[in-house]
Amino acid sequence: LGWKFYDADDYHSPENKKKMAEGIPLNDEDRIPWLCVLHDILRREDSSSQDAVLACSALKKMYRRVLVSGASALESNQPAQPGENPALKILFVHLDGPVHIIAGRLEKRRGHFMPAELLKSQFDTLEPPSAPENFITVSLEKSLPEILMQIESAIF
């Protein structure tokens, strides 16, 4: 795509990384400051009219609202009103697949702070996107070229 790429894991605090490395799942209090940082990165890209890809496990609807609207999303379930900072336009790509496929991919990952044992906690936390969120769901059981084609067709 020629877009800037961000891996959200690169922006976790040292405390979050340590917690995950010890096999302790993150909670909302751990994730919210991290998501606010990610929102700020996306807002900076948006303000410079740059498109970007962010790889992020935005597991809950509230987390996705924070990515779109920043910390103001925590104060209200309502979208931004006229005169407020406009929300970012984000297409969420929900990569959906069975635990065994994702676990197999995690086991191939080397040098990452999050152990595969935390996968269950992520599935337990997951709130798949739903209307009115701006999202597509893509099956991880498809081939990589099929996955990319589906995402690209949704973007363009």
N, C-alpha and C. Protein backbone atom coordinates (compact mmCIF):
# COMPACT_ATOMS: atom_id res chain seq x y z
N LEU A 1 0.81 -1.20 0.00
CA LEU A 1 0.00 0.00 0.00
C LEU A 1 0.85 1.26 0.00
N GLY A 2 2.10 1.14 0.44
CA GLY A 2 2.94 2.32 0.54
C GLY A 2 2.58 3.20 1.74
N TRP A 3 1.84 2.65 2.70
CA TRP A 3 1.43 3.40 3.89
C TRP A 3 2.41 3.13 5.02
N LYS A 4 2.45 4.04 5.97
CA LYS A 4 3.26 3.85 7.16
C LYS A 4 2.64 2.72 7.98
N PHE A 5 3.50 1.87 8.55
CA PHE A 5 3.03 0.73 9.35
C PHE A 5 3.48 0.90 10.80
N TYR A 6 2.54 0.67 11.69
CA TYR A 6 2.83 0.70 13.13
C TYR A 6 2.41 -0.63 13.74
N ASP A 7 3.29 -1.20 14.56
CA ASP A 7 2.94 -2.38 15.34
C ASP A 7 2.66 -1.89 16.75
N ALA A 8 1.42 -2.01 17.19
CA ALA A 8 1.01 -1.48 18.49
C ALA A 8 1.85 -2.06 19.63
N ASP A 9 2.34 -3.28 19.48
CA ASP A 9 3.15 -3.88 20.54
C ASP A 9 4.41 -3.07 20.83
N ASP A 10 4.91 -2.32 19.83
CA ASP A 10 6.10 -1.50 20.03
C ASP A 10 5.85 -0.35 21.00
N TYR A 11 4.58 -0.05 21.29
CA TYR A 11 4.23 1.12 22.10
C TYR A 11 3.74 0.76 23.50
N HIS A 12 3.80 -0.53 23.85
CA HIS A 12 3.45 -0.91 25.23
C HIS A 12 4.50 -0.36 26.18
N SER A 13 4.06 -0.01 27.36
CA SER A 13 4.98 0.45 28.40
C SER A 13 5.86 -0.72 28.84
N PRO A 14 7.03 -0.42 29.41
CA PRO A 14 7.86 -1.50 29.95
C PRO A 14 7.11 -2.33 31.00
N GLU A 15 6.23 -1.67 31.77
CA GLU A 15 5.46 -2.40 32.78
C GLU A 15 4.50 -3.40 32.12
N ASN A 16 3.84 -2.98 31.04
CA ASN A 16 2.94 -3.89 30.32
C ASN A 16 3.71 -5.07 29.74
N LYS A 17 4.84 -4.79 29.14
CA LYS A 17 5.65 -5.87 28.54
C LYS A 17 6.11 -6.85 29.60
N LYS A 18 6.52 -6.33 30.75
CA LYS A 18 6.97 -7.20 31.85
C LYS A 18 5.81 -8.06 32.34
N LYS A 19 4.66 -7.44 32.50
CA LYS A 19 3.48 -8.17 32.98
C LYS A 19 3.13 -9.32 32.02
N MET A 20 3.09 -9.00 30.72
CA MET A 20 2.76 -10.04 29.74
C MET A 20 3.83 -11.13 29.71
N ALA A 21 5.10 -10.75 29.77
CA ALA A 21 6.19 -11.73 29.76
C ALA A 21 6.08 -12.69 30.94
N GLU A 22 5.49 -12.21 32.04
CA GLU A 22 5.28 -13.06 33.22
C GLU A 22 4.00 -13.88 33.12
N GLY A 23 3.29 -13.75 31.96
CA GLY A 23 2.07 -14.53 31.76
C GLY A 23 0.85 -13.92 32.41
N ILE A 24 0.91 -12.64 32.76
CA ILE A 24 -0.23 -11.96 33.39
C ILE A 24 -0.97 -11.15 32.33
N PRO A 25 -2.26 -11.44 32.12
CA PRO A 25 -3.02 -10.70 31.11
C PRO A 25 -3.17 -9.22 31.50
N LEU A 26 -3.18 -8.37 30.49
CA LEU A 26 -3.41 -6.95 30.73
C LEU A 26 -4.89 -6.71 31.01
N ASN A 27 -5.17 -5.66 31.77
CA ASN A 27 -6.55 -5.27 32.04
C ASN A 27 -6.82 -3.91 31.40
N ASP A 28 -8.02 -3.40 31.57
CA ASP A 28 -8.37 -2.12 30.96
C ASP A 28 -7.43 -1.00 31.41
N GLU A 29 -7.07 -0.98 32.69
CA GLU A 29 -6.20 0.07 33.21
C GLU A 29 -4.82 0.02 32.55
N ASP A 30 -4.37 -1.17 32.20
CA ASP A 30 -3.08 -1.32 31.51
C ASP A 30 -3.19 -0.86 30.06
N ARG A 31 -4.31 -1.15 29.44
CA ARG A 31 -4.44 -0.93 27.99
C ARG A 31 -4.84 0.50 27.62
N ILE A 32 -5.63 1.18 28.43
CA ILE A 32 -6.16 2.49 28.03
C ILE A 32 -5.05 3.50 27.72
N PRO A 33 -4.03 3.68 28.57
CA PRO A 33 -2.98 4.65 28.22
C PRO A 33 -2.27 4.27 26.91
N TRP A 34 -2.06 3.00 26.69
CA TRP A 34 -1.44 2.49 25.46
C TRP A 34 -2.30 2.84 24.25
N LEU A 35 -3.61 2.62 24.36
CA LEU A 35 -4.52 2.94 23.25
C LEU A 35 -4.56 4.44 22.99
N CYS A 36 -4.47 5.25 24.02
CA CYS A 36 -4.45 6.72 23.84
C CYS A 36 -3.19 7.14 23.07
N VAL A 37 -2.06 6.52 23.36
CA VAL A 37 -0.83 6.79 22.61
C VAL A 37 -1.03 6.41 21.15
N LEU A 38 -1.64 5.27 20.90
CA LEU A 38 -1.88 4.82 19.53
C LEU A 38 -2.82 5.78 18.80
N HIS A 39 -3.87 6.25 19.49
CA HIS A 39 -4.77 7.24 18.89
C HIS A 39 -3.99 8.48 18.49
N ASP A 40 -3.10 8.94 19.36
CA ASP A 40 -2.32 10.14 19.05
C ASP A 40 -1.44 9.93 17.82
N ILE A 41 -0.87 8.75 17.68
CA ILE A 41 -0.06 8.43 16.50
C ILE A 41 -0.93 8.49 15.24
N LEU A 42 -2.11 7.87 15.31
CA LEU A 42 -3.01 7.87 14.15
C LEU A 42 -3.51 9.28 13.84
N ARG A 43 -3.78 10.07 14.86
CA ARG A 43 -4.23 11.45 14.64
C ARG A 43 -3.13 12.25 13.95
N ARG A 44 -1.88 12.04 14.37
CA ARG A 44 -0.75 12.75 13.75
C ARG A 44 -0.66 12.38 12.26
N GLU A 45 -0.82 11.11 11.95
CA GLU A 45 -0.79 10.67 10.54
C GLU A 45 -1.95 11.30 9.78
N ASP A 46 -3.14 11.30 10.41
CA ASP A 46 -4.33 11.86 9.77
C ASP A 46 -4.17 13.35 9.51
N SER A 47 -3.59 14.07 10.48
CA SER A 47 -3.45 15.52 10.32
C SER A 47 -2.45 15.87 9.22
N SER A 48 -1.55 14.93 8.90
CA SER A 48 -0.62 15.17 7.80
C SER A 48 -1.11 14.51 6.52
N SER A 49 -2.39 14.11 6.52
CA SER A 49 -3.04 13.48 5.36
C SER A 49 -2.32 12.22 4.90
N GLN A 50 -1.78 11.49 5.86
CA GLN A 50 -1.12 10.22 5.57
C GLN A 50 -2.01 9.07 6.00
N ASP A 51 -2.06 8.04 5.17
CA ASP A 51 -2.76 6.82 5.56
C ASP A 51 -1.77 5.93 6.29
N ALA A 52 -2.28 5.13 7.19
CA ALA A 52 -1.42 4.26 7.99
C ALA A 52 -2.13 2.95 8.29
N VAL A 53 -1.33 1.95 8.57
CA VAL A 53 -1.82 0.65 9.04
C VAL A 53 -1.31 0.48 10.46
N LEU A 54 -2.21 0.10 11.35
CA LEU A 54 -1.86 -0.18 12.73
C LEU A 54 -2.25 -1.62 13.04
N ALA A 55 -1.27 -2.45 13.38
CA ALA A 55 -1.55 -3.81 13.83
C ALA A 55 -1.75 -3.75 15.33
N CYS A 56 -2.97 -4.06 15.76
CA CYS A 56 -3.32 -3.84 17.17
C CYS A 56 -4.42 -4.82 17.58
N SER A 57 -4.27 -5.38 18.76
CA SER A 57 -5.33 -6.24 19.29
C SER A 57 -6.32 -5.37 20.07
N ALA A 58 -7.13 -4.64 19.34
CA ALA A 58 -8.16 -3.80 19.95
C ALA A 58 -9.35 -4.72 20.26
N LEU A 59 -9.23 -5.43 21.36
CA LEU A 59 -10.12 -6.55 21.65
C LEU A 59 -11.55 -6.15 22.00
N LYS A 60 -11.72 -5.00 22.63
CA LYS A 60 -13.05 -4.59 23.09
C LYS A 60 -13.56 -3.41 22.27
N LYS A 61 -14.89 -3.29 22.24
CA LYS A 61 -15.50 -2.15 21.56
C LYS A 61 -14.97 -0.83 22.14
N MET A 62 -14.85 -0.77 23.46
CA MET A 62 -14.35 0.44 24.11
C MET A 62 -12.93 0.76 23.62
N TYR A 63 -12.09 -0.24 23.44
CA TYR A 63 -10.73 -0.01 22.97
C TYR A 63 -10.74 0.59 21.56
N ARG A 64 -11.64 0.08 20.73
CA ARG A 64 -11.73 0.61 19.36
C ARG A 64 -12.25 2.04 19.38
N ARG A 65 -13.15 2.35 20.31
CA ARG A 65 -13.63 3.74 20.44
C ARG A 65 -12.48 4.67 20.83
N VAL A 66 -11.60 4.20 21.71
CA VAL A 66 -10.45 5.01 22.12
C VAL A 66 -9.53 5.23 20.91
N LEU A 67 -9.32 4.22 20.10
CA LEU A 67 -8.48 4.41 18.91
C LEU A 67 -9.08 5.45 17.97
N VAL A 68 -10.41 5.46 17.84
CA VAL A 68 -11.09 6.40 16.95
C VAL A 68 -11.14 7.80 17.54
N SER A 69 -11.50 7.92 18.82
CA SER A 69 -11.80 9.23 19.41
C SER A 69 -10.85 9.68 20.51
N GLY A 70 -9.91 8.86 20.91
CA GLY A 70 -9.00 9.23 21.98
C GLY A 70 -9.64 9.11 23.35
N ALA A 71 -9.04 9.77 24.33
CA ALA A 71 -9.50 9.67 25.71
C ALA A 71 -10.93 10.12 25.89
N SER A 72 -11.42 10.99 25.00
CA SER A 72 -12.81 11.46 25.13
C SER A 72 -13.81 10.31 25.01
N ALA A 73 -13.41 9.21 24.38
CA ALA A 73 -14.30 8.05 24.25
C ALA A 73 -14.59 7.42 25.61
N LEU A 74 -13.73 7.65 26.58
CA LEU A 74 -13.92 7.08 27.91
C LEU A 74 -15.00 7.81 28.69
N GLU A 75 -15.22 9.06 28.33
CA GLU A 75 -16.17 9.89 29.06
C GLU A 75 -17.60 9.67 28.61
N SER A 76 -17.76 9.16 27.41
CA SER A 76 -19.10 9.03 26.86
C SER A 76 -19.14 7.92 25.84
N ASN A 77 -20.29 7.29 25.72
CA ASN A 77 -20.49 6.30 24.67
C ASN A 77 -20.97 6.95 23.39
N GLN A 78 -21.10 8.28 23.41
CA GLN A 78 -21.62 9.01 22.26
C GLN A 78 -20.49 9.41 21.32
N PRO A 79 -20.77 9.48 20.01
CA PRO A 79 -19.76 9.98 19.08
C PRO A 79 -19.52 11.47 19.31
N ALA A 80 -18.43 11.97 18.76
CA ALA A 80 -18.09 13.39 18.90
C ALA A 80 -19.21 14.26 18.35
N GLN A 81 -19.45 15.38 19.03
CA GLN A 81 -20.48 16.33 18.61
C GLN A 81 -19.85 17.41 17.74
N PRO A 82 -20.68 18.13 16.96
CA PRO A 82 -20.12 19.23 16.15
C PRO A 82 -19.33 20.19 17.03
N GLY A 83 -18.16 20.61 16.52
CA GLY A 83 -17.31 21.51 17.28
C GLY A 83 -16.27 20.78 18.11
N GLU A 84 -16.47 19.48 18.37
CA GLU A 84 -15.48 18.70 19.09
C GLU A 84 -14.45 18.17 18.09
N ASN A 85 -13.36 17.63 18.61
CA ASN A 85 -12.37 17.02 17.73
C ASN A 85 -13.05 15.91 16.94
N PRO A 86 -12.97 15.96 15.62
CA PRO A 86 -13.61 14.90 14.86
C PRO A 86 -12.89 13.57 15.07
N ALA A 87 -13.66 12.51 15.06
CA ALA A 87 -13.10 11.18 15.23
C ALA A 87 -12.33 10.80 13.97
N LEU A 88 -11.35 9.94 14.16
CA LEU A 88 -10.59 9.44 13.02
C LEU A 88 -11.43 8.44 12.24
N LYS A 89 -11.22 8.39 10.96
CA LYS A 89 -11.89 7.39 10.13
C LYS A 89 -10.97 6.18 10.06
N ILE A 90 -11.41 5.12 10.72
CA ILE A 90 -10.62 3.90 10.81
C ILE A 90 -11.46 2.73 10.32
N LEU A 91 -10.86 1.90 9.46
CA LEU A 91 -11.47 0.63 9.09
C LEU A 91 -10.79 -0.43 9.93
N PHE A 92 -11.57 -1.08 10.79
CA PHE A 92 -11.03 -2.16 11.61
C PHE A 92 -11.12 -3.45 10.81
N VAL A 93 -10.02 -4.18 10.76
CA VAL A 93 -9.99 -5.48 10.10
C VAL A 93 -9.92 -6.53 11.20
N HIS A 94 -11.03 -7.23 11.38
CA HIS A 94 -11.10 -8.28 12.40
C HIS A 94 -10.64 -9.58 11.77
N LEU A 95 -9.42 -10.00 12.13
CA LEU A 95 -8.89 -11.26 11.63
C LEU A 95 -9.44 -12.36 12.52
N ASP A 96 -10.34 -13.14 11.96
CA ASP A 96 -11.10 -14.13 12.73
C ASP A 96 -10.62 -15.53 12.38
N GLY A 97 -10.37 -16.30 13.40
CA GLY A 97 -9.96 -17.68 13.16
C GLY A 97 -10.02 -18.50 14.42
N PRO A 98 -9.98 -19.81 14.26
CA PRO A 98 -10.02 -20.68 15.43
C PRO A 98 -8.73 -20.58 16.24
N VAL A 99 -8.87 -20.89 17.51
CA VAL A 99 -7.75 -20.79 18.45
C VAL A 99 -6.54 -21.56 17.95
N HIS A 100 -6.74 -22.76 17.40
CA HIS A 100 -5.58 -23.58 17.02
C HIS A 100 -4.75 -22.93 15.90
N ILE A 101 -5.39 -22.22 14.98
CA ILE A 101 -4.63 -21.54 13.91
C ILE A 101 -3.81 -20.40 14.50
N ILE A 102 -4.43 -19.61 15.34
CA ILE A 102 -3.73 -18.46 15.93
C ILE A 102 -2.63 -18.94 16.87
N ALA A 103 -2.90 -19.99 17.65
CA ALA A 103 -1.89 -20.54 18.55
C ALA A 103 -0.69 -21.04 17.76
N GLY A 104 -0.93 -21.68 16.63
CA GLY A 104 0.16 -22.16 15.79
C GLY A 104 1.03 -21.03 15.28
N ARG A 105 0.39 -19.92 14.93
CA ARG A 105 1.15 -18.76 14.46
C ARG A 105 1.94 -18.11 15.59
N LEU A 106 1.34 -18.06 16.78
CA LEU A 106 2.05 -17.49 17.93
C LEU A 106 3.28 -18.32 18.28
N GLU A 107 3.17 -19.62 18.16
CA GLU A 107 4.30 -20.48 18.52
C GLU A 107 5.48 -20.30 17.57
N LYS A 108 5.21 -19.82 16.36
CA LYS A 108 6.29 -19.58 15.39
C LYS A 108 6.97 -18.24 15.61
N ARG A 109 6.34 -17.38 16.40
CA ARG A 109 6.89 -16.04 16.64
C ARG A 109 8.04 -16.16 17.64
N ARG A 110 9.15 -15.52 17.32
CA ARG A 110 10.35 -15.59 18.17
C ARG A 110 10.66 -14.21 18.74
N GLY A 111 11.14 -14.20 19.99
CA GLY A 111 11.61 -12.97 20.59
C GLY A 111 10.52 -11.99 20.98
N HIS A 112 9.30 -12.47 21.13
CA HIS A 112 8.20 -11.57 21.51
C HIS A 112 7.90 -11.75 22.99
N PHE A 113 7.52 -10.65 23.63
CA PHE A 113 7.31 -10.67 25.08
C PHE A 113 6.03 -11.38 25.50
N MET A 114 5.05 -11.53 24.59
CA MET A 114 3.78 -12.15 24.99
C MET A 114 3.82 -13.66 24.73
N PRO A 115 3.72 -14.45 25.79
CA PRO A 115 3.72 -15.90 25.60
C PRO A 115 2.38 -16.40 25.04
N ALA A 116 2.43 -17.51 24.35
CA ALA A 116 1.22 -18.10 23.75
C ALA A 116 0.17 -18.44 24.81
N GLU A 117 0.59 -18.62 26.06
CA GLU A 117 -0.37 -18.95 27.13
C GLU A 117 -1.39 -17.83 27.34
N LEU A 118 -1.09 -16.62 26.92
CA LEU A 118 -2.02 -15.50 27.10
C LEU A 118 -3.12 -15.47 26.03
N LEU A 119 -3.01 -16.33 25.03
CA LEU A 119 -4.00 -16.31 23.95
C LEU A 119 -5.42 -16.54 24.49
N LYS A 120 -5.59 -17.46 25.42
CA LYS A 120 -6.92 -17.72 25.96
C LYS A 120 -7.51 -16.46 26.59
N SER A 121 -6.69 -15.70 27.31
CA SER A 121 -7.20 -14.48 27.94
C SER A 121 -7.64 -13.47 26.89
N GLN A 122 -6.97 -13.46 25.74
CA GLN A 122 -7.37 -12.55 24.68
C GLN A 122 -8.70 -12.98 24.07
N PHE A 123 -8.89 -14.27 23.87
CA PHE A 123 -10.18 -14.76 23.37
C PHE A 123 -11.29 -14.49 24.39
N ASP A 124 -10.96 -14.61 25.69
CA ASP A 124 -11.96 -14.34 26.73
C ASP A 124 -12.36 -12.86 26.74
N THR A 125 -11.45 -11.98 26.40
CA THR A 125 -11.69 -10.53 26.40
C THR A 125 -12.37 -10.06 25.11
N LEU A 126 -12.17 -10.79 24.03
CA LEU A 126 -12.61 -10.34 22.71
C LEU A 126 -14.10 -10.04 22.62
N GLU A 127 -14.38 -8.85 22.12
CA GLU A 127 -15.74 -8.44 21.72
C GLU A 127 -15.65 -8.17 20.22
N PRO A 128 -16.03 -9.16 19.40
CA PRO A 128 -15.90 -8.93 17.95
C PRO A 128 -16.63 -7.66 17.53
N PRO A 129 -16.11 -6.96 16.53
CA PRO A 129 -16.77 -5.73 16.09
C PRO A 129 -18.17 -6.00 15.58
N SER A 130 -19.00 -4.99 15.71
CA SER A 130 -20.39 -5.09 15.25
C SER A 130 -20.86 -3.71 14.84
N ALA A 131 -21.97 -3.66 14.12
CA ALA A 131 -22.53 -2.37 13.69
C ALA A 131 -22.81 -1.53 14.94
N PRO A 132 -22.55 -0.25 14.90
CA PRO A 132 -22.22 0.60 13.76
C PRO A 132 -20.72 0.79 13.53
N GLU A 133 -19.87 -0.07 14.13
CA GLU A 133 -18.43 0.08 13.93
C GLU A 133 -18.10 -0.10 12.45
N ASN A 134 -17.05 0.58 12.01
CA ASN A 134 -16.58 0.48 10.63
C ASN A 134 -15.56 -0.66 10.57
N PHE A 135 -15.99 -1.83 10.10
CA PHE A 135 -15.12 -3.00 10.14
C PHE A 135 -15.43 -3.98 9.02
N ILE A 136 -14.46 -4.86 8.79
CA ILE A 136 -14.69 -6.06 7.99
C ILE A 136 -14.14 -7.22 8.80
N THR A 137 -14.69 -8.39 8.57
CA THR A 137 -14.18 -9.60 9.20
C THR A 137 -13.56 -10.45 8.10
N VAL A 138 -12.33 -10.89 8.35
CA VAL A 138 -11.59 -11.68 7.39
C VAL A 138 -11.18 -12.99 8.06
N SER A 139 -11.47 -14.09 7.41
CA SER A 139 -11.15 -15.40 7.97
C SER A 139 -9.67 -15.70 7.80
N LEU A 140 -9.04 -16.11 8.90
CA LEU A 140 -7.63 -16.52 8.86
C LEU A 140 -7.45 -17.89 8.22
N GLU A 141 -8.57 -18.54 7.90
CA GLU A 141 -8.47 -19.84 7.24
C GLU A 141 -8.26 -19.69 5.74
N LYS A 142 -8.33 -18.45 5.24
CA LYS A 142 -8.04 -18.18 3.83
C LYS A 142 -6.52 -18.09 3.64
N SER A 143 -6.10 -18.16 2.40
CA SER A 143 -4.68 -17.99 2.10
C SER A 143 -4.30 -16.52 2.29
N LEU A 144 -3.01 -16.26 2.47
CA LEU A 144 -2.56 -14.88 2.64
C LEU A 144 -2.95 -14.00 1.45
N PRO A 145 -2.77 -14.45 0.19
CA PRO A 145 -3.21 -13.61 -0.93
C PRO A 145 -4.70 -13.29 -0.89
N GLU A 146 -5.53 -14.27 -0.47
CA GLU A 146 -6.97 -14.02 -0.37
C GLU A 146 -7.28 -13.01 0.74
N ILE A 147 -6.58 -13.12 1.84
CA ILE A 147 -6.77 -12.19 2.96
C ILE A 147 -6.42 -10.77 2.50
N LEU A 148 -5.27 -10.63 1.87
CA LEU A 148 -4.84 -9.31 1.41
C LEU A 148 -5.80 -8.73 0.38
N MET A 149 -6.29 -9.58 -0.53
CA MET A 149 -7.22 -9.11 -1.56
C MET A 149 -8.51 -8.60 -0.92
N GLN A 150 -9.02 -9.32 0.09
CA GLN A 150 -10.25 -8.91 0.76
C GLN A 150 -10.06 -7.57 1.47
N ILE A 151 -8.92 -7.41 2.13
CA ILE A 151 -8.65 -6.15 2.85
C ILE A 151 -8.50 -5.00 1.84
N GLU A 152 -7.72 -5.22 0.80
CA GLU A 152 -7.52 -4.16 -0.20
C GLU A 152 -8.82 -3.76 -0.87
N SER A 153 -9.69 -4.73 -1.16
CA SER A 153 -10.96 -4.38 -1.81
C SER A 153 -11.85 -3.58 -0.88
N ALA A 154 -11.73 -3.78 0.43
CA ALA A 154 -12.52 -3.00 1.38
C ALA A 154 -11.97 -1.58 1.52
N ILE A 155 -10.66 -1.41 1.34
CA ILE A 155 -10.03 -0.10 1.47
C ILE A 155 -10.30 0.74 0.23
N PHE A 156 -10.18 0.13 -0.92
CA PHE A 156 -10.29 0.88 -2.17
C PHE A 156 -11.62 0.61 -2.78
